[in-house]
């Protein structure tokens, strides 16, 4: 698996482009820190889009057509994990030291009717 670091200056354009070109993805968000332990913030719900607001310095993860939102305040590091079949996850460290792991997978297709 290859890791690519996206600099903050490129983050808005990168996430805007990602949100346009991604197929329907199911998304799990895990937040990990020494004080919180590992917490699941979202468990395999449809991803509607990701955005970065440089003015407020916040990443917004929009899930299930706006039913759920996950925000990451003051991201300090944004890493893209890529596997053989594309982007597997984003790992975002915020200024509080929390690690937000945003994992992706394709919805499973139903087999043809018998």
Protein backbone atom coordinates (compact mmCIF):
# COMPACT_ATOMS: atom_id res chain seq x y z
CA UNK A 1 0.00 0.00 0.00
CA UNK A 2 1.36 3.41 -1.00
CA UNK A 3 1.00 6.54 1.11
CA UNK A 4 0.71 10.05 -0.33
CA UNK A 5 0.77 13.18 1.85
CA UNK A 6 -1.46 16.03 0.63
CA UNK A 7 -0.20 19.46 1.66
CA UNK A 8 -2.76 21.79 3.26
CA UNK A 9 -2.41 24.28 0.38
CA UNK A 10 -3.70 21.57 -2.02
CA UNK A 11 -6.30 20.03 0.30
CA UNK A 12 -9.36 22.00 -0.87
CA UNK A 13 -8.75 21.24 -4.56
CA UNK A 14 -7.90 17.60 -3.82
CA UNK A 15 -11.09 16.96 -1.81
CA UNK A 16 -13.27 18.89 -4.28
CA UNK A 17 -11.92 16.71 -7.11
CA UNK A 18 -12.24 13.51 -5.05
CA UNK A 19 -15.89 14.30 -4.27
CA UNK A 20 -16.68 14.72 -7.97
CA UNK A 21 -14.96 11.61 -9.32
CA UNK A 22 -15.58 9.00 -6.61
CA UNK A 23 -18.10 6.28 -7.27
CA UNK A 24 -20.63 5.51 -4.56
CA UNK A 25 -18.54 4.48 -1.59
CA UNK A 26 -19.43 3.13 1.80
CA UNK A 27 -17.48 4.90 4.52
CA UNK A 28 -16.36 4.06 8.02
CA UNK A 29 -14.82 6.74 10.23
CA UNK A 30 -12.68 5.81 13.21
CA UNK A 31 -11.25 8.37 15.63
CA UNK A 32 -8.24 7.29 17.68
CA UNK A 33 -6.37 9.07 20.47
CA UNK A 34 -4.73 8.27 23.78
CA UNK A 35 -7.48 10.05 25.72
CA UNK A 36 -10.44 8.62 23.73
CA UNK A 37 -9.15 5.23 22.67
CA UNK A 38 -10.58 4.02 19.35
CA UNK A 39 -14.11 5.21 18.59
CA UNK A 40 -16.24 4.45 15.53
CA UNK A 41 -17.91 7.70 14.43
CA UNK A 42 -19.65 6.22 11.37
CA UNK A 43 -20.00 2.60 10.29
CA UNK A 44 -20.25 1.87 6.56
CA UNK A 45 -22.67 4.58 5.46
CA UNK A 46 -22.77 6.12 1.95
CA UNK A 47 -20.31 8.94 1.37
CA UNK A 48 -21.87 12.07 -0.14
CA UNK A 49 -18.70 14.16 -0.28
CA UNK A 50 -15.69 15.65 1.45
CA UNK A 51 -14.68 19.29 1.58
CA UNK A 52 -12.09 21.52 3.21
CA UNK A 53 -12.80 25.10 4.28
CA UNK A 54 -9.44 26.88 4.54
CA UNK A 55 -11.03 29.94 6.18
CA UNK A 56 -12.32 27.94 9.16
CA UNK A 57 -9.58 25.27 8.79
CA UNK A 58 -12.05 22.38 8.91
CA UNK A 59 -12.67 19.21 6.89
CA UNK A 60 -16.31 18.20 6.51
CA UNK A 61 -17.28 14.62 5.70
CA UNK A 62 -20.86 14.52 4.40
CA UNK A 63 -22.50 11.11 4.81
CA UNK A 64 -25.79 9.65 3.60
CA UNK A 65 -26.91 12.80 1.72
CA UNK A 66 -26.52 15.11 4.69
CA UNK A 67 -28.03 12.87 7.36
CA UNK A 68 -24.65 12.65 9.10
CA UNK A 69 -21.63 14.95 9.18
CA UNK A 70 -18.20 14.42 10.63
CA UNK A 71 -15.94 17.44 11.09
CA UNK A 72 -12.19 17.52 11.59
CA UNK A 73 -11.02 20.81 13.09
CA UNK A 74 -7.54 22.13 12.29
CA UNK A 75 -6.09 19.23 10.30
CA UNK A 76 -2.29 19.16 10.50
CA UNK A 77 -1.57 16.09 8.34
CA UNK A 78 -3.59 14.45 5.56
CA UNK A 79 -2.41 11.09 4.21
CA UNK A 80 -3.95 9.06 1.38
CA UNK A 81 -3.57 5.26 1.56
CA UNK A 82 -3.74 3.67 -1.90
CA UNK A 83 -3.97 -0.03 -2.72
CA UNK A 84 -4.09 -1.95 -6.00
CA UNK A 85 -7.73 -1.03 -6.59
CA UNK A 86 -7.55 2.66 -5.66
CA UNK A 87 -7.87 4.77 -2.54
CA UNK A 88 -8.40 2.67 0.58
CA UNK A 89 -8.49 5.39 3.24
CA UNK A 90 -7.59 8.87 4.36
CA UNK A 91 -5.74 9.37 7.64
CA UNK A 92 -6.11 12.87 9.07
CA UNK A 93 -4.33 14.07 12.19
CA UNK A 94 -5.86 17.14 13.86
CA UNK A 95 -4.19 19.72 16.10
CA UNK A 96 -5.51 17.91 19.21
CA UNK A 97 -3.53 14.81 18.22
CA UNK A 98 -6.59 12.76 17.26
CA UNK A 99 -6.25 10.49 14.23
CA UNK A 100 -9.35 10.36 12.02
CA UNK A 101 -9.28 7.30 9.74
CA UNK A 102 -11.77 7.49 6.87
CA UNK A 103 -12.05 4.07 5.19
CA UNK A 104 -13.76 3.39 1.86
CA UNK A 105 -15.30 0.37 0.18
CA UNK A 106 -17.61 -0.23 -2.74
CA UNK A 107 -21.16 -1.38 -2.03
CA UNK A 108 -21.61 -5.06 -2.78
CA UNK A 109 -23.55 -5.97 -5.88
CA UNK A 110 -26.46 -8.37 -5.58
CA UNK A 111 -26.08 -11.56 -7.61
CA UNK A 112 -28.45 -11.95 -10.57
CA UNK A 113 -31.87 -13.38 -9.76
CA UNK A 114 -32.07 -17.14 -10.26
